[in-house]
Protein backbone atom coordinates (compact mmCIF):
# COMPACT_ATOMS: atom_id res chain seq x y z
CA UNK A 1 97.88 91.36 99.58
CA UNK A 2 98.69 89.06 96.81
CA UNK A 3 99.54 92.11 94.81
CA UNK A 4 101.75 93.35 97.28
CA UNK A 5 103.58 90.24 97.86
CA UNK A 6 104.03 89.59 94.35
CA UNK A 7 105.57 92.77 93.89
CA UNK A 8 107.81 93.06 96.57
CA UNK A 9 109.15 89.21 96.34
CA UNK A 10 108.96 89.92 92.22
CA UNK A 11 111.79 92.68 92.84
CA UNK A 12 114.54 90.16 93.76
CA UNK A 13 114.49 88.76 90.50
CA UNK A 14 114.35 91.57 88.05
CA UNK A 15 118.24 90.87 87.26
CA UNK A 16 118.25 86.97 86.49
CA UNK A 17 117.05 87.34 82.60
CA UNK A 18 119.05 90.66 82.68
CA UNK A 19 122.91 89.06 83.94
CA UNK A 20 124.29 89.34 80.29
CA UNK A 21 123.45 93.04 79.96
CA UNK A 22 124.38 93.87 83.59
CA UNK A 23 127.91 92.46 82.72
CA UNK A 24 128.05 94.20 79.21
CA UNK A 25 126.45 97.71 80.31
CA UNK A 26 128.71 98.06 84.02
CA UNK A 27 131.84 96.10 82.24
CA UNK A 28 132.09 93.00 84.96
CA UNK A 29 132.30 89.46 83.96
CA UNK A 30 129.11 87.54 83.97
CA UNK A 31 130.20 85.33 86.81
CA UNK A 32 130.33 89.35 88.89
CA UNK A 33 126.97 89.78 87.67
CA UNK A 34 125.36 86.88 88.79
CA UNK A 35 126.56 87.28 92.15
CA UNK A 36 123.78 90.03 92.39
CA UNK A 37 121.50 86.73 92.61
CA UNK A 38 123.39 85.58 95.38
CA UNK A 39 123.08 89.32 96.79
CA UNK A 40 119.65 89.44 96.86
CA UNK A 41 118.98 86.41 98.33
CA UNK A 42 121.06 86.77 101.39
CA UNK A 43 119.91 90.59 102.22
CA UNK A 44 116.16 88.82 102.00
CA UNK A 45 117.92 86.08 104.47
CA UNK A 46 118.76 88.79 106.91
CA UNK A 47 115.11 90.81 106.46
CA UNK A 48 113.82 87.56 107.24
CA UNK A 49 115.49 87.28 110.27
CA UNK A 50 115.60 90.78 111.56
CA UNK A 51 113.03 92.29 109.95
CA UNK A 52 109.54 89.91 110.11
CA UNK A 53 109.76 89.20 114.16
CA UNK A 54 108.53 92.73 113.97
CA UNK A 55 105.22 91.63 113.07
CA UNK A 56 104.51 90.01 116.13
CA UNK A 57 105.74 93.13 118.02
CA UNK A 58 104.26 96.25 115.75
CA UNK A 59 101.52 97.79 114.43
CA UNK A 60 101.59 95.83 110.68
CA UNK A 61 99.98 98.03 108.29
CA UNK A 62 102.54 101.10 109.71
CA UNK A 63 105.43 98.39 109.36
CA UNK A 64 104.24 96.73 105.90
CA UNK A 65 104.11 100.03 104.36
CA UNK A 66 107.68 101.65 105.31
CA UNK A 67 109.33 98.24 104.84
CA UNK A 68 107.60 98.55 100.86
CA UNK A 69 108.54 102.39 101.09
CA UNK A 70 112.18 101.37 101.70
CA UNK A 71 112.21 98.44 99.34
CA UNK A 72 110.73 101.43 96.48
CA UNK A 73 114.01 103.07 97.27
CA UNK A 74 116.68 100.37 96.79
CA UNK A 75 114.90 100.01 92.98
CA UNK A 76 115.34 103.37 92.46
CA UNK A 77 118.96 103.40 93.07
CA UNK A 78 119.66 100.18 91.05
CA UNK A 79 117.66 101.78 88.45
CA UNK A 80 120.08 104.71 87.83
CA UNK A 81 122.95 102.83 89.21
CA UNK A 82 126.02 103.49 87.03
CA UNK A 83 128.57 100.88 88.63
CA UNK A 84 128.49 97.57 89.83
CA UNK A 85 128.35 98.73 93.17
CA UNK A 86 126.01 101.09 93.40
CA UNK A 87 123.87 98.50 92.07
CA UNK A 88 124.89 95.82 94.71
CA UNK A 89 123.71 98.34 97.35
CA UNK A 90 120.40 98.76 95.54
CA UNK A 91 120.16 95.13 95.48
CA UNK A 92 120.67 94.54 98.69
CA UNK A 93 118.38 97.33 100.28
CA UNK A 94 115.61 96.07 98.11
CA UNK A 95 115.74 92.55 99.06
CA UNK A 96 116.22 93.74 103.15
CA UNK A 97 112.88 95.71 102.88
CA UNK A 98 111.19 93.26 100.23
CA UNK A 99 110.14 91.10 103.36
CA UNK A 100 107.21 92.91 103.53
CA UNK A 101 105.49 90.02 102.18
CA UNK A 102 106.65 87.61 104.31
CA UNK A 103 105.38 89.90 107.08
CA UNK A 104 101.62 89.55 104.59
CA UNK A 105 101.82 85.88 104.02
CA UNK A 106 101.81 84.84 107.84
CA UNK A 107 98.82 87.58 107.97
CA UNK A 108 97.01 85.67 105.58
CA UNK A 109 96.46 83.25 107.83
CA UNK A 110 95.53 85.22 110.62
CA UNK A 111 93.11 86.79 109.14
CA UNK A 112 91.41 83.51 107.37
CA UNK A 113 88.37 81.96 108.68
CA UNK A 114 88.81 78.59 110.76
CA UNK A 115 89.86 75.81 108.40
CA UNK A 116 90.47 78.43 105.30
CA UNK A 117 93.62 79.01 106.36
CA UNK A 118 95.83 76.80 103.46
CA UNK A 119 93.63 78.82 100.90
CA UNK A 120 94.03 82.28 102.33
CA UNK A 121 97.93 81.16 102.33
CA UNK A 122 97.75 79.30 98.85
CA UNK A 123 96.10 82.67 97.39
CA UNK A 124 98.57 85.20 98.60
CA UNK A 125 101.53 82.88 97.59
CA UNK A 126 100.07 82.68 94.40
CA UNK A 127 100.21 85.91 93.62
CA UNK A 128 104.32 86.21 95.01
CA UNK A 129 104.65 83.30 92.49
CA UNK A 130 103.49 85.09 89.33
CA UNK A 131 104.89 88.21 90.85
CA UNK A 132 108.02 86.75 90.58
CA UNK A 133 107.51 84.55 87.12
CA UNK A 134 106.34 88.29 86.00
CA UNK A 135 109.33 89.93 86.72
CA UNK A 136 111.17 87.87 84.94
CA UNK A 137 109.28 88.49 82.16
CA UNK A 138 108.54 91.97 81.91
CA UNK A 139 112.63 92.48 83.26
CA UNK A 140 113.12 90.60 79.57
CA UNK A 141 110.91 92.88 77.93
CA UNK A 142 111.50 96.36 79.35
CA UNK A 143 115.04 95.62 78.95
CA UNK A 144 114.64 95.07 75.10
CA UNK A 145 112.42 98.79 75.31
CA UNK A 146 114.52 100.73 77.21
CA UNK A 147 117.37 98.96 78.60
CA UNK A 148 118.29 96.63 81.30
CA UNK A 149 117.94 99.15 84.19
CA UNK A 150 113.84 100.42 83.23
CA UNK A 151 112.38 97.61 84.75
CA UNK A 152 113.66 98.88 88.21
CA UNK A 153 112.38 102.47 87.89
CA UNK A 154 109.33 101.05 87.23
CA UNK A 155 108.95 99.06 89.83
CA UNK A 156 110.15 101.42 92.14
CA UNK A 157 107.14 103.49 90.71
CA UNK A 158 104.75 100.34 91.48
CA UNK A 159 105.64 99.35 94.62
CA UNK A 160 104.92 103.05 96.15
CA UNK A 161 101.56 102.72 94.63
CA UNK A 162 100.78 99.25 96.03
CA UNK A 163 102.05 100.20 99.38
CA UNK A 164 99.72 102.94 99.38
CA UNK A 165 96.62 101.05 98.44
CA UNK A 166 97.23 98.63 100.79
CA UNK A 167 97.89 101.49 103.25
CA UNK A 168 94.10 102.81 102.32
CA UNK A 169 93.15 99.00 102.58
CA UNK A 170 93.99 97.23 106.02
CA UNK A 171 92.72 98.22 108.87
CA UNK A 172 94.71 99.17 111.84
CA UNK A 173 96.22 95.85 113.04
CA UNK A 174 97.55 96.45 116.08
CA UNK A 175 100.19 93.83 118.22
CA UNK A 176 98.78 91.54 120.82
CA UNK A 177 98.57 93.21 124.25
CA UNK A 178 101.53 92.08 125.75
CA UNK A 179 103.91 91.61 122.70
CA UNK A 180 107.46 91.07 123.53
CA UNK A 181 110.15 93.46 123.14
CA UNK A 182 112.43 93.21 119.72
CA UNK A 183 115.48 91.93 122.09
CA UNK A 184 113.27 89.10 123.12
CA UNK A 185 111.72 88.14 119.86
CA UNK A 186 114.92 87.88 118.59
CA UNK A 187 115.84 85.65 121.03
CA UNK A 188 112.86 83.86 120.82
CA UNK A 189 114.04 82.80 117.02
CA UNK A 190 116.03 80.02 118.68
CA UNK A 191 113.88 78.82 121.58
CA UNK A 192 110.98 78.18 119.14
CA UNK A 193 113.78 76.45 116.39
CA UNK A 194 114.86 74.27 119.59
CA UNK A 195 111.27 73.41 120.72
CA UNK A 196 109.85 72.35 117.34
CA UNK A 197 111.43 69.81 115.41
CA UNK A 198 109.46 70.04 112.39
CA UNK A 199 110.18 74.00 112.03
CA UNK A 200 113.79 72.91 111.48
CA UNK A 201 112.78 69.99 109.51
CA UNK A 202 110.67 71.83 107.40
CA UNK A 203 113.48 75.09 107.45
CA UNK A 204 115.76 72.27 105.69
CA UNK A 205 113.54 71.22 103.43
CA UNK A 206 112.80 74.50 101.98
CA UNK A 207 116.26 75.84 101.98
CA UNK A 208 117.67 72.66 99.93
CA UNK A 209 114.45 72.40 97.62
CA UNK A 210 114.90 76.65 96.97
CA UNK A 211 118.54 75.57 96.83
CA UNK A 212 118.14 73.47 94.14
CA UNK A 213 116.19 75.63 92.36
CA UNK A 214 118.77 78.85 92.80
CA UNK A 215 121.29 76.57 90.81
CA UNK A 216 118.89 76.78 87.69
CA UNK A 217 117.79 80.54 88.72
CA UNK A 218 121.68 81.64 88.60
CA UNK A 219 122.43 80.43 85.49
CA UNK A 220 119.47 80.07 83.35
CA UNK A 221 120.43 83.19 81.53
CA UNK A 222 124.04 82.74 81.52
CA UNK A 223 123.42 79.37 79.34
CA UNK A 224 120.06 80.58 77.16
CA UNK A 225 121.95 84.10 76.25
CA UNK A 226 125.15 81.93 75.48
CA UNK A 227 126.05 80.34 72.33
CA UNK A 228 123.80 77.25 72.83
CA UNK A 229 121.04 79.29 72.36
CA UNK A 230 121.46 83.15 71.27
CA UNK A 231 118.44 84.14 73.17
CA UNK A 232 117.52 88.06 73.81
CA UNK A 233 116.61 89.37 77.29
CA UNK A 234 112.86 89.69 76.39
CA UNK A 235 113.12 86.01 75.04
CA UNK A 236 114.51 84.49 78.14
CA UNK A 237 112.07 86.66 80.05
CA UNK A 238 109.56 84.69 78.37
CA UNK A 239 110.89 81.53 79.13
CA UNK A 240 109.93 82.60 82.64
CA UNK A 241 106.54 82.10 81.97
CA UNK A 242 106.86 78.51 81.66
CA UNK A 243 106.02 78.39 85.39
CA UNK A 244 103.30 79.97 85.21
CA UNK A 245 101.65 76.59 86.31
CA UNK A 246 103.04 76.86 89.71
CA UNK A 247 100.96 79.71 90.31
CA UNK A 248 97.79 77.55 90.35
CA UNK A 249 99.82 74.73 92.44
CA UNK A 250 100.06 77.06 94.98
CA UNK A 251 96.23 77.33 95.49
CA UNK A 252 96.02 73.29 94.72
CA UNK A 253 99.06 72.41 97.66
CA UNK A 254 97.00 75.13 100.25
CA UNK A 255 93.48 72.96 99.56
CA UNK A 256 95.41 69.69 100.36
CA UNK A 257 96.88 71.07 103.56
CA UNK A 258 93.23 72.34 104.83
CA UNK A 259 92.45 68.88 103.51
CA UNK A 260 95.56 67.10 105.94
CA UNK A 261 97.42 65.82 103.20
CA UNK A 262 100.25 68.05 102.86
CA UNK A 263 102.60 65.12 103.58
CA UNK A 264 101.60 63.46 100.27
CA UNK A 265 101.91 66.84 98.60
CA UNK A 266 105.72 67.53 100.07
CA UNK A 267 107.06 63.82 98.86
CA UNK A 268 105.66 64.26 95.44
CA UNK A 269 107.05 67.56 95.15
CA UNK A 270 110.65 66.56 96.04
CA UNK A 271 110.60 64.12 94.00
CA UNK A 272 109.44 66.23 91.27
CA UNK A 273 112.19 69.04 91.82
CA UNK A 274 114.93 65.91 91.66
CA UNK A 275 113.24 64.42 88.40
CA UNK A 276 112.96 68.35 86.74
CA UNK A 277 116.61 68.14 85.96
CA UNK A 278 116.81 65.60 83.51
CA UNK A 279 114.35 67.54 81.37
CA UNK A 280 116.77 70.47 82.22
CA UNK A 281 119.98 68.53 81.22
CA UNK A 282 118.40 67.82 78.31
CA UNK A 283 117.24 71.84 77.97
CA UNK A 284 121.45 72.40 77.45
CA UNK A 285 120.81 71.46 73.50
CA UNK A 286 116.76 72.07 73.22
CA UNK A 287 114.56 74.97 74.27
CA UNK A 288 111.69 72.69 74.24
CA UNK A 289 112.88 70.46 76.48
CA UNK A 290 114.40 73.52 79.21
CA UNK A 291 110.86 75.20 78.95
CA UNK A 292 109.68 71.13 80.15
CA UNK A 293 112.27 71.54 83.28
CA UNK A 294 111.33 75.15 84.26
CA UNK A 295 107.48 74.18 84.26
CA UNK A 296 108.20 70.90 86.24
CA UNK A 297 110.94 72.66 88.88
CA UNK A 298 108.26 75.30 89.47
CA UNK A 299 105.38 73.13 90.19
CA UNK A 300 107.80 71.62 93.09
CA UNK A 301 109.07 74.11 94.30
CA UNK A 302 105.15 75.81 95.17
CA UNK A 303 104.18 71.93 96.45
CA UNK A 304 106.64 72.52 99.19
CA UNK A 305 106.94 75.79 99.92
CA UNK A 306 103.16 75.74 100.64
CA UNK A 307 103.17 72.61 102.35
CA UNK A 308 105.85 73.76 104.99
CA UNK A 309 104.09 77.16 105.60
CA UNK A 310 101.14 75.31 106.33
CA UNK A 311 102.61 72.61 108.98
CA UNK A 312 104.43 75.36 110.62
CA UNK A 313 101.74 77.95 111.49
CA UNK A 314 99.80 75.45 112.93
CA UNK A 315 102.86 74.73 115.29
CA UNK A 316 102.24 78.06 117.52
CA UNK A 317 99.94 79.97 116.00
CA UNK A 318 100.23 83.26 118.64
CA UNK A 319 104.03 83.10 117.33
CA UNK A 320 103.17 82.95 113.15
CA UNK A 321 105.43 85.98 112.17
CA UNK A 322 108.27 84.41 114.43
CA UNK A 323 107.44 80.90 112.67
CA UNK A 324 107.88 82.28 109.67
CA UNK A 325 110.83 84.32 109.83
CA UNK A 326 112.84 80.80 111.21
CA UNK A 327 111.22 79.11 107.97
CA UNK A 328 111.69 82.27 105.55
CA UNK A 329 115.57 82.55 106.73
CA UNK A 330 116.78 78.61 106.33
CA UNK A 331 114.19 79.13 103.18
CA UNK A 332 116.11 82.17 101.81
CA UNK A 333 119.69 81.19 103.22
CA UNK A 334 119.33 77.62 101.30
CA UNK A 335 118.63 79.98 97.89
CA UNK A 336 121.87 81.79 98.28
CA UNK A 337 123.86 78.87 98.86
CA UNK A 338 121.97 76.73 95.93
CA UNK A 339 122.73 80.64 93.34
CA UNK A 340 126.52 80.66 94.87
CA UNK A 341 127.04 77.00 94.27
CA UNK A 342 125.35 77.18 90.62
CA UNK A 343 127.58 80.14 89.44
CA UNK A 344 130.68 78.09 90.71
CA UNK A 345 129.74 75.03 88.93
CA UNK A 346 128.92 77.09 85.76
CA UNK A 347 132.44 78.18 85.69
CA UNK A 348 133.81 74.64 86.49
CA UNK A 349 132.23 72.56 83.93
CA UNK A 350 129.03 75.00 82.07
CA UNK A 351 125.65 73.12 82.25
CA UNK A 352 126.62 69.83 82.81
CA UNK A 353 128.46 70.07 86.09
CA UNK A 354 125.56 72.92 86.94
CA UNK A 355 122.79 70.40 86.80
CA UNK A 356 125.10 67.97 88.05
CA UNK A 357 124.86 69.96 91.31
CA UNK A 358 121.01 70.48 91.12
CA UNK A 359 120.75 66.51 91.05
CA UNK A 360 122.93 66.26 94.49
CA UNK A 361 121.47 68.72 96.29
CA UNK A 362 117.53 67.17 95.08
CA UNK A 363 118.76 64.10 96.82
CA UNK A 364 119.66 65.63 99.88
CA UNK A 365 116.60 67.23 100.05
CA UNK A 366 114.74 63.81 99.48
CA UNK A 367 116.75 62.87 102.77
CA UNK A 368 115.40 65.54 104.51
CA UNK A 369 111.91 64.31 103.70
CA UNK A 370 112.67 60.99 104.46
CA UNK A 371 113.36 62.71 108.22
CA UNK A 372 110.53 65.00 108.36
CA UNK A 373 108.19 62.36 107.49
CA UNK A 374 109.73 60.31 110.58
CA UNK A 375 108.68 63.40 112.64
CA UNK A 376 105.66 63.28 111.35
CA UNK A 377 104.82 60.18 112.53
CA UNK A 378 106.04 60.61 115.98
CA UNK A 379 103.97 63.83 115.99
CA UNK A 380 101.08 61.42 114.87
CA UNK A 381 101.66 59.27 117.73
CA UNK A 382 102.03 61.38 120.55
CA UNK A 383 99.32 63.22 119.91
CA UNK A 384 96.70 59.62 120.03
CA UNK A 385 98.79 59.45 123.38
CA UNK A 386 97.39 62.41 124.56
């Protein structure tokens, strides 16, 4: 399950170290190539809203397998694209159906032994994060060997193979006996969001955290491949490995959640997202400082994300897929907005403007964390009274 999550999530990140090569090969501007980052996240958010809730209504093994096969088809389309339009369609298709990862994450929590759901989610999310980090690095390396589109072709084959392995390994996972119809499921998303204030606050926290990080993701290849550093695709891909410690943070955050310390983890991680922009700003002139900032911001994002998921899954255990759909829609909507803001900031003022936007979003994130802390205190008081 962790491997499948890594491949599915990573499929949306191959383009990040390749933006310069994509722009050159398809004869479009760098800002146009950077739109594929936003497109991947918007389509992923649509899949979260429209497809992930099916995990509460359909047989999940079949659903996961079908989604992965369709994501592989999108990868193949991108891998053989000869125009930006074809690449955009393949990117959108991959983003939409790679939400199979977000059907697997709540499934891990549901299958875990009592008191160990945090660790289970942390393990699967570690696989997801390693997949994202490896995606950037592998994309850069394969681009150096056989062109920017080689990674899409290889990834399509890998996703198909893992989908087959999951089909063989997972037992049949039927939905509840009285599962609601699809229309009812979609309507219930709004009901869940209205009923649970902390679902709203944690979705906001996740969206703003990922927005700040996505400002970096959408522009890092332009900075590192530009005149200031002149790194190759392979070297830019290797820079992504600086965040591999974030995979360790996923497990740590999961264990702390099992100990009831997710609120402390959230606060520390939100502050770290904000603080990371100082070394990233210095990274405009120094690759070493850029690596430090990349490491810190990846750690921080995972700390926020795992804590968020453990909070929301406890709100309504019988509706974990729908809770995850609401939360992850906010999470990736924030990412899409951050990517767009990063591209605009880069065009307007280069790296200094990009860092300023990242800091501004980080400050808004700190305010959202303060709001969530107040809600947590109120919930604890209400529980004591009850």
